[in-house]
N, C-alpha and C. Protein backbone atom coordinates (compact mmCIF):
# COMPACT_ATOMS: atom_id res chain seq x y z
N UNK A 1 36.54 38.65 -88.28
CA UNK A 1 36.84 37.40 -87.62
C UNK A 1 37.00 37.59 -86.11
N UNK A 2 37.49 38.76 -85.71
CA UNK A 2 37.69 39.02 -84.28
C UNK A 2 36.36 39.05 -83.53
N UNK A 3 35.29 39.44 -84.21
CA UNK A 3 33.99 39.49 -83.55
C UNK A 3 33.52 38.10 -83.13
N UNK A 4 33.91 37.06 -83.88
CA UNK A 4 33.55 35.69 -83.49
C UNK A 4 34.31 35.26 -82.24
N UNK A 5 35.53 35.77 -82.09
CA UNK A 5 36.29 35.49 -80.88
C UNK A 5 35.61 36.05 -79.65
N UNK A 6 35.14 37.31 -79.77
CA UNK A 6 34.43 37.92 -78.65
C UNK A 6 33.11 37.22 -78.37
N UNK A 7 32.45 36.77 -79.44
CA UNK A 7 31.20 36.04 -79.24
C UNK A 7 31.46 34.74 -78.50
N UNK A 8 32.58 34.09 -78.79
CA UNK A 8 32.93 32.85 -78.09
C UNK A 8 33.23 33.13 -76.62
N UNK A 9 33.92 34.22 -76.35
CA UNK A 9 34.22 34.59 -74.96
C UNK A 9 32.93 34.87 -74.20
N UNK A 10 32.03 35.62 -74.79
CA UNK A 10 30.75 35.94 -74.14
C UNK A 10 29.93 34.67 -73.95
N UNK A 11 29.89 33.80 -74.96
CA UNK A 11 29.15 32.54 -74.84
C UNK A 11 29.73 31.67 -73.72
N UNK A 12 31.06 31.62 -73.62
CA UNK A 12 31.69 30.86 -72.54
C UNK A 12 31.36 31.42 -71.18
N UNK A 13 31.38 32.73 -71.06
CA UNK A 13 31.04 33.38 -69.80
C UNK A 13 29.60 33.08 -69.41
N UNK A 14 28.71 33.15 -70.38
CA UNK A 14 27.29 32.86 -70.11
C UNK A 14 27.11 31.41 -69.69
N UNK A 15 27.81 30.49 -70.35
CA UNK A 15 27.73 29.08 -69.97
C UNK A 15 28.23 28.84 -68.55
N UNK A 16 29.29 29.54 -68.16
CA UNK A 16 29.79 29.41 -66.80
C UNK A 16 28.75 29.91 -65.80
N UNK A 17 28.13 31.05 -66.09
CA UNK A 17 27.10 31.59 -65.19
C UNK A 17 25.91 30.65 -65.09
N UNK A 18 25.48 30.08 -66.22
CA UNK A 18 24.36 29.14 -66.21
C UNK A 18 24.73 27.90 -65.39
N UNK A 19 25.95 27.41 -65.54
CA UNK A 19 26.39 26.25 -64.76
C UNK A 19 26.40 26.54 -63.27
N UNK A 20 26.90 27.71 -62.90
CA UNK A 20 26.90 28.08 -61.48
C UNK A 20 25.48 28.19 -60.94
N UNK A 21 24.56 28.75 -61.74
CA UNK A 21 23.17 28.87 -61.32
C UNK A 21 22.54 27.50 -61.14
N UNK A 22 22.84 26.57 -62.06
CA UNK A 22 22.29 25.21 -61.94
C UNK A 22 22.81 24.51 -60.69
N UNK A 23 24.08 24.71 -60.37
CA UNK A 23 24.64 24.11 -59.15
C UNK A 23 23.95 24.70 -57.93
N UNK A 24 23.75 26.01 -57.92
CA UNK A 24 23.09 26.67 -56.80
C UNK A 24 21.67 26.15 -56.62
N UNK A 25 20.92 26.05 -57.72
CA UNK A 25 19.54 25.55 -57.66
C UNK A 25 19.53 24.10 -57.19
N UNK A 26 20.49 23.30 -57.66
CA UNK A 26 20.57 21.91 -57.24
C UNK A 26 20.83 21.77 -55.75
N UNK A 27 21.70 22.60 -55.21
CA UNK A 27 21.99 22.56 -53.78
C UNK A 27 20.76 22.96 -52.98
N UNK A 28 20.08 24.00 -53.42
CA UNK A 28 18.85 24.42 -52.73
C UNK A 28 17.78 23.34 -52.81
N UNK A 29 17.63 22.74 -53.98
CA UNK A 29 16.63 21.68 -54.17
C UNK A 29 16.92 20.51 -53.23
N UNK A 30 18.18 20.12 -53.12
CA UNK A 30 18.56 19.01 -52.25
C UNK A 30 18.30 19.36 -50.79
N UNK A 31 18.54 20.62 -50.41
CA UNK A 31 18.32 21.04 -49.03
C UNK A 31 16.83 21.02 -48.69
N UNK A 32 15.99 21.45 -49.64
CA UNK A 32 14.55 21.48 -49.40
C UNK A 32 13.99 20.06 -49.36
N UNK A 33 14.50 19.19 -50.21
CA UNK A 33 14.01 17.81 -50.26
C UNK A 33 14.40 17.00 -49.05
N UNK A 34 15.41 17.42 -48.33
CA UNK A 34 15.77 16.72 -47.11
C UNK A 34 17.09 15.98 -47.17
N UNK A 35 18.12 16.61 -47.65
CA UNK A 35 19.45 16.02 -47.59
C UNK A 35 19.63 14.87 -48.55
N UNK A 36 20.22 13.79 -48.05
CA UNK A 36 20.50 12.64 -48.89
C UNK A 36 21.97 12.58 -49.25
N UNK A 37 22.29 11.66 -50.12
CA UNK A 37 23.68 11.53 -50.53
C UNK A 37 23.91 12.25 -51.85
N UNK A 38 25.13 12.58 -52.11
CA UNK A 38 25.47 13.29 -53.34
C UNK A 38 26.57 12.54 -54.07
N UNK A 39 26.49 12.57 -55.38
CA UNK A 39 27.53 11.99 -56.22
C UNK A 39 28.15 13.12 -57.03
N UNK A 40 29.45 13.08 -57.18
CA UNK A 40 30.15 14.14 -57.88
C UNK A 40 30.99 13.53 -58.98
N UNK A 41 30.93 14.16 -60.15
CA UNK A 41 31.77 13.73 -61.26
C UNK A 41 32.11 14.95 -62.09
N UNK A 42 33.19 14.84 -62.84
CA UNK A 42 33.56 15.97 -63.65
C UNK A 42 34.52 15.60 -64.75
N UNK A 43 34.71 16.54 -65.65
CA UNK A 43 35.61 16.37 -66.79
C UNK A 43 36.47 17.61 -66.88
N UNK A 44 37.77 17.41 -66.96
CA UNK A 44 38.71 18.49 -67.23
C UNK A 44 39.28 18.22 -68.61
N UNK A 45 39.10 19.17 -69.52
CA UNK A 45 39.55 18.99 -70.90
C UNK A 45 40.82 19.80 -71.10
N UNK A 46 41.90 19.10 -71.44
CA UNK A 46 43.18 19.74 -71.74
C UNK A 46 43.48 19.44 -73.20
N UNK A 47 43.37 20.49 -74.02
CA UNK A 47 43.46 20.26 -75.46
C UNK A 47 42.25 19.44 -75.87
N UNK A 48 42.45 18.39 -76.63
CA UNK A 48 41.30 17.55 -76.96
C UNK A 48 41.13 16.37 -75.99
N UNK A 49 42.01 16.24 -74.99
CA UNK A 49 42.00 15.08 -74.11
C UNK A 49 41.21 15.33 -72.83
N UNK A 50 40.16 14.53 -72.60
CA UNK A 50 39.40 14.70 -71.35
C UNK A 50 40.01 13.89 -70.21
N UNK A 51 40.02 14.48 -69.03
CA UNK A 51 40.42 13.79 -67.80
C UNK A 51 39.15 13.69 -66.98
N UNK A 52 38.74 12.46 -66.66
CA UNK A 52 37.44 12.20 -66.05
C UNK A 52 37.64 11.76 -64.60
N UNK A 53 36.78 12.23 -63.71
CA UNK A 53 36.79 11.77 -62.32
C UNK A 53 35.37 11.69 -61.80
N UNK A 54 35.17 10.89 -60.76
CA UNK A 54 33.85 10.75 -60.15
C UNK A 54 33.93 10.10 -58.79
N UNK A 55 32.96 10.42 -57.94
CA UNK A 55 32.95 9.86 -56.58
C UNK A 55 32.28 8.49 -56.52
N UNK A 56 31.56 8.13 -57.57
CA UNK A 56 30.93 6.81 -57.64
C UNK A 56 31.00 6.34 -59.08
N UNK A 57 30.68 5.07 -59.28
CA UNK A 57 30.74 4.52 -60.64
C UNK A 57 29.73 5.21 -61.55
N UNK A 58 28.55 5.50 -61.04
CA UNK A 58 27.52 6.16 -61.84
C UNK A 58 27.96 7.56 -62.26
N UNK A 59 28.49 8.33 -61.31
CA UNK A 59 28.95 9.68 -61.62
C UNK A 59 30.13 9.64 -62.60
N UNK A 60 31.00 8.66 -62.43
CA UNK A 60 32.14 8.52 -63.33
C UNK A 60 31.67 8.21 -64.76
N UNK A 61 30.68 7.32 -64.89
CA UNK A 61 30.20 6.96 -66.22
C UNK A 61 29.52 8.14 -66.92
N UNK A 62 28.75 8.91 -66.18
CA UNK A 62 28.11 10.10 -66.77
C UNK A 62 29.18 11.08 -67.23
N UNK A 63 30.19 11.31 -66.40
CA UNK A 63 31.28 12.21 -66.76
C UNK A 63 32.09 11.66 -67.94
N UNK A 64 32.27 10.33 -67.98
CA UNK A 64 33.02 9.72 -69.09
C UNK A 64 32.28 9.91 -70.41
N UNK A 65 30.97 9.73 -70.42
CA UNK A 65 30.19 9.95 -71.64
C UNK A 65 30.30 11.40 -72.07
N UNK A 66 30.20 12.32 -71.13
CA UNK A 66 30.36 13.74 -71.45
C UNK A 66 31.76 14.01 -72.00
N UNK A 67 32.76 13.39 -71.41
CA UNK A 67 34.13 13.56 -71.89
C UNK A 67 34.32 13.05 -73.31
N UNK A 68 33.71 11.93 -73.64
CA UNK A 68 33.80 11.38 -74.99
C UNK A 68 33.11 12.31 -75.99
N UNK A 69 31.95 12.85 -75.61
CA UNK A 69 31.25 13.79 -76.48
C UNK A 69 32.12 15.03 -76.72
N UNK A 70 32.73 15.56 -75.66
CA UNK A 70 33.60 16.72 -75.80
C UNK A 70 34.82 16.41 -76.66
N UNK A 71 35.38 15.21 -76.53
CA UNK A 71 36.52 14.80 -77.34
C UNK A 71 36.16 14.76 -78.82
N UNK A 72 35.01 14.17 -79.14
CA UNK A 72 34.56 14.09 -80.54
C UNK A 72 34.32 15.49 -81.10
N UNK A 73 33.69 16.36 -80.31
CA UNK A 73 33.46 17.74 -80.77
C UNK A 73 34.77 18.49 -81.00
N UNK A 74 35.72 18.31 -80.11
CA UNK A 74 37.01 18.99 -80.26
C UNK A 74 37.74 18.52 -81.51
N UNK A 75 37.75 17.21 -81.74
CA UNK A 75 38.42 16.68 -82.93
C UNK A 75 37.71 17.17 -84.19
N UNK A 76 36.38 17.18 -84.18
CA UNK A 76 35.63 17.66 -85.35
C UNK A 76 35.95 19.13 -85.63
N UNK A 77 36.01 19.94 -84.59
CA UNK A 77 36.34 21.36 -84.78
C UNK A 77 37.76 21.53 -85.30
N UNK A 78 38.71 20.76 -84.77
CA UNK A 78 40.09 20.85 -85.25
C UNK A 78 40.17 20.48 -86.73
N UNK A 79 39.47 19.42 -87.12
CA UNK A 79 39.50 18.98 -88.52
C UNK A 79 38.86 20.04 -89.41
N UNK A 80 37.69 20.55 -89.01
CA UNK A 80 37.01 21.56 -89.82
C UNK A 80 37.85 22.82 -89.97
N UNK A 81 38.44 23.27 -88.88
CA UNK A 81 39.23 24.50 -88.95
C UNK A 81 40.53 24.30 -89.71
N UNK A 82 41.12 23.11 -89.65
CA UNK A 82 42.35 22.87 -90.39
C UNK A 82 42.10 22.79 -91.89
N UNK A 83 40.88 22.47 -92.29
CA UNK A 83 40.53 22.39 -93.71
C UNK A 83 40.00 23.71 -94.25
N UNK A 84 40.07 24.75 -93.45
CA UNK A 84 39.66 26.08 -93.91
C UNK A 84 38.16 26.30 -93.86
N UNK A 85 37.46 25.63 -92.97
CA UNK A 85 36.04 25.84 -92.80
C UNK A 85 35.77 27.28 -92.42
N UNK A 86 34.81 27.92 -93.07
CA UNK A 86 34.49 29.30 -92.74
C UNK A 86 33.03 29.40 -92.33
N UNK A 87 32.76 30.33 -91.46
CA UNK A 87 31.42 30.57 -90.97
C UNK A 87 30.66 31.37 -92.04
N UNK A 88 29.43 30.98 -92.36
CA UNK A 88 28.67 31.74 -93.36
C UNK A 88 28.50 33.20 -92.94
N UNK A 89 28.72 34.09 -93.87
CA UNK A 89 28.60 35.52 -93.59
C UNK A 89 29.87 36.11 -93.00
N UNK A 90 30.90 35.29 -92.78
CA UNK A 90 32.10 35.80 -92.15
C UNK A 90 33.22 35.88 -93.01
């Protein structure tokens, strides 16, 4: 069971690196295209509760949808794990 914990840590680390790379590519792409305006939005998840923020209504709505998806996934995982769900082969 501990090996799944390490796999989750490695997967999280990889996701963080991919996210940072996407931000870097996005900044470079915007610089090459010629500036423009930027919208920023984000989700901070504390437990199963998402806290959503955004610099514009559009960015806020995109972050809110992402927050709702994360909330549903978190609740589903909590329910599955509380009922003794086991990973095949584990």
